[in-house]
């Protein structure tokens, strides 16, 4: 069907779709009309509309598909089953081979931890700066903390149980 429409010069909305999304669409009775518009039944209508929206957002750069949440997973609103390779026969999808390893996910976690540590270092620098300003103005930068960890040392905890 797609080949016939392409020969007639019709712009196909599925031309830039990922292979998995296109296979899912046609498997669940999605099709194309003679003028190239999408036709889908009521059973897949909500998911198909979300799929079209996800692919549009992905092409605009508003949605970045990844291994755990690509356009089809976002449209179907379910997660990738952990520890499974998406397969077509005996091999996974060739364009996703690099994403099957967990080391990539760990490197992303390491990058997040590194950025959080950098933010904490920046906050420590800000605290040191404000302490210097307070010290210059004659204000004690460290609060007076009582023996029980409270801010007011005159406050003492009662040994009497409440009734």
Protein backbone atom coordinates (compact mmCIF):
# COMPACT_ATOMS: atom_id res chain seq x y z
CA UNK A 1 0.00 0.00 0.00
CA UNK A 2 2.76 2.45 0.93
CA UNK A 3 4.75 1.64 -2.20
CA UNK A 4 1.73 2.35 -4.43
CA UNK A 5 1.07 5.67 -2.75
CA UNK A 6 4.75 6.66 -2.99
CA UNK A 7 4.75 5.87 -6.73
CA UNK A 8 1.76 8.21 -7.16
CA UNK A 9 3.70 10.96 -5.32
CA UNK A 10 1.59 11.02 -2.16
CA UNK A 11 3.35 12.26 0.98
CA UNK A 12 3.00 9.51 3.57
CA UNK A 13 2.57 10.46 7.23
CA UNK A 14 4.32 7.19 8.17
CA UNK A 15 7.43 7.89 6.08
CA UNK A 16 9.56 9.05 9.03
CA UNK A 17 8.05 6.74 11.65
CA UNK A 18 10.31 4.34 13.56
CA UNK A 19 10.06 0.75 12.36
CA UNK A 20 8.48 -0.52 15.59
CA UNK A 21 5.77 2.14 15.49
CA UNK A 22 4.97 1.44 11.86
CA UNK A 23 4.78 -2.34 12.47
CA UNK A 24 2.47 -1.81 15.45
CA UNK A 25 0.22 0.54 13.49
CA UNK A 26 -0.29 -1.85 10.59
CA UNK A 27 -0.56 -4.92 12.81
CA UNK A 28 -3.55 -3.45 14.65
CA UNK A 29 -5.41 -2.68 11.44
CA UNK A 30 -4.20 0.83 10.90
CA UNK A 31 -4.05 1.80 7.25
CA UNK A 32 -3.68 4.68 4.82
CA UNK A 33 -6.39 6.19 2.64
CA UNK A 34 -5.96 6.89 -1.07
CA UNK A 35 -4.86 10.45 -0.31
CA UNK A 36 -2.34 9.30 2.33
CA UNK A 37 -4.23 10.16 5.54
CA UNK A 38 -4.18 7.77 8.47
CA UNK A 39 -7.17 5.48 9.02
CA UNK A 40 -7.56 3.60 12.28
CA UNK A 41 -10.39 1.84 14.05
CA UNK A 42 -11.90 2.87 17.38
CA UNK A 43 -9.97 0.19 19.24
CA UNK A 44 -6.58 1.79 18.56
CA UNK A 45 -7.74 5.38 18.03
CA UNK A 46 -6.49 6.85 21.36
CA UNK A 47 -3.11 5.10 21.13
CA UNK A 48 -2.72 5.96 17.43
CA UNK A 49 -3.46 9.64 18.09
CA UNK A 50 -0.90 9.66 20.92
CA UNK A 51 1.59 7.93 18.61
CA UNK A 52 1.15 10.60 15.93
CA UNK A 53 1.55 13.29 18.61
CA UNK A 54 4.70 11.63 20.02
CA UNK A 55 6.29 11.32 16.58
CA UNK A 56 5.48 14.99 15.83
CA UNK A 57 7.02 16.06 19.16
CA UNK A 58 10.04 13.88 18.49
CA UNK A 59 10.59 15.46 15.07
CA UNK A 60 10.35 18.95 16.64
CA UNK A 61 12.80 18.00 19.42
CA UNK A 62 10.23 18.41 22.21
CA UNK A 63 10.34 14.67 23.03
CA UNK A 64 13.58 12.71 23.12
CA UNK A 65 12.88 9.00 22.68
CA UNK A 66 15.04 6.55 24.55
CA UNK A 67 15.26 2.84 25.13
CA UNK A 68 12.86 2.83 28.05
CA UNK A 69 10.43 5.37 26.61
CA UNK A 70 10.24 5.66 22.86
CA UNK A 71 7.32 7.00 20.85
CA UNK A 72 5.39 3.73 20.84
CA UNK A 73 5.81 3.14 24.58
CA UNK A 74 4.67 6.70 25.24
CA UNK A 75 1.62 6.22 23.03
CA UNK A 76 0.68 2.87 24.57
CA UNK A 77 1.35 4.26 28.08
CA UNK A 78 3.27 1.22 29.27
CA UNK A 79 6.88 0.63 30.19
CA UNK A 80 9.42 -1.56 28.46
CA UNK A 81 9.62 -4.91 30.20
CA UNK A 82 12.91 -4.95 32.12
CA UNK A 83 15.61 -7.39 31.00
CA UNK A 84 14.00 -8.08 27.63
CA UNK A 85 15.31 -7.31 24.19
CA UNK A 86 12.79 -6.05 21.68
CA UNK A 87 13.00 -8.62 18.94
CA UNK A 88 12.08 -9.35 15.37
CA UNK A 89 12.99 -13.01 15.05
CA UNK A 90 16.41 -13.83 16.48
CA UNK A 91 17.96 -10.36 16.44
CA UNK A 92 16.95 -7.12 18.11
CA UNK A 93 16.26 -3.94 16.20
CA UNK A 94 19.52 -2.94 14.49
CA UNK A 95 19.03 0.79 15.11
CA UNK A 96 18.64 0.13 18.86
CA UNK A 97 21.54 -2.29 19.38
CA UNK A 98 23.59 0.26 21.27
CA UNK A 99 20.82 0.86 23.76
CA UNK A 100 20.46 -2.74 24.95
CA UNK A 101 23.33 -2.47 27.40
CA UNK A 102 22.75 -1.21 30.89
CA UNK A 103 26.10 0.59 31.08
CA UNK A 104 24.66 3.46 29.12
CA UNK A 105 21.95 3.96 31.71
CA UNK A 106 24.56 3.85 34.48
CA UNK A 107 26.62 6.53 32.72
CA UNK A 108 23.52 8.74 32.62
CA UNK A 109 23.05 8.17 36.36
CA UNK A 110 26.71 9.05 36.94
CA UNK A 111 26.27 12.25 34.94
CA UNK A 112 23.23 13.17 37.04
CA UNK A 113 25.13 12.51 40.26
CA UNK A 114 28.05 14.59 39.01
CA UNK A 115 25.77 17.54 38.19
CA UNK A 116 24.09 17.29 41.62
CA UNK A 117 27.49 17.28 43.32
CA UNK A 118 28.45 20.37 41.33
CA UNK A 119 25.23 22.07 42.49
CA UNK A 120 26.01 21.19 46.11
CA UNK A 121 29.53 22.60 45.72
CA UNK A 122 28.05 25.82 44.36
CA UNK A 123 25.70 26.06 47.33
CA UNK A 124 28.61 25.53 49.73
CA UNK A 125 30.46 28.40 48.06
CA UNK A 126 27.38 30.60 48.45
CA UNK A 127 27.12 29.72 52.15
CA UNK A 128 30.80 30.54 52.69
CA UNK A 129 30.32 33.88 50.92
CA UNK A 130 27.31 34.82 53.06
CA UNK A 131 29.14 33.79 56.23
CA UNK A 132 31.98 36.16 55.29
CA UNK A 133 29.49 39.00 54.80
CA UNK A 134 27.88 38.29 58.17
CA UNK A 135 31.26 38.13 59.89
CA UNK A 136 32.26 41.50 58.37
CA UNK A 137 29.07 43.05 59.77
CA UNK A 138 29.76 41.64 63.23
CA UNK A 139 27.03 39.03 63.14
CA UNK A 140 27.82 35.54 64.35
CA UNK A 141 27.32 33.38 61.23
CA UNK A 142 26.81 30.15 63.20
CA UNK A 143 23.54 29.85 65.12
CA UNK A 144 23.51 29.01 68.83
CA UNK A 145 22.39 25.42 69.11
CA UNK A 146 21.31 23.90 72.39
CA UNK A 147 22.29 20.46 73.77
CA UNK A 148 19.22 18.80 72.27
CA UNK A 149 19.71 20.23 68.77
CA UNK A 150 17.24 23.08 69.22
CA UNK A 151 17.99 26.65 68.18
CA UNK A 152 17.12 28.23 71.54
CA UNK A 153 19.47 27.01 74.28
CA UNK A 154 17.14 28.20 77.04
CA UNK A 155 14.50 25.71 75.96
CA UNK A 156 14.83 22.46 77.90
CA UNK A 157 12.92 19.30 77.21
CA UNK A 158 10.53 18.19 79.89
CA UNK A 159 10.89 14.81 81.55
CA UNK A 160 7.18 14.76 82.35
CA UNK A 161 5.07 12.67 80.03
CA UNK A 162 2.05 14.41 78.60
CA UNK A 163 -1.36 13.27 79.73
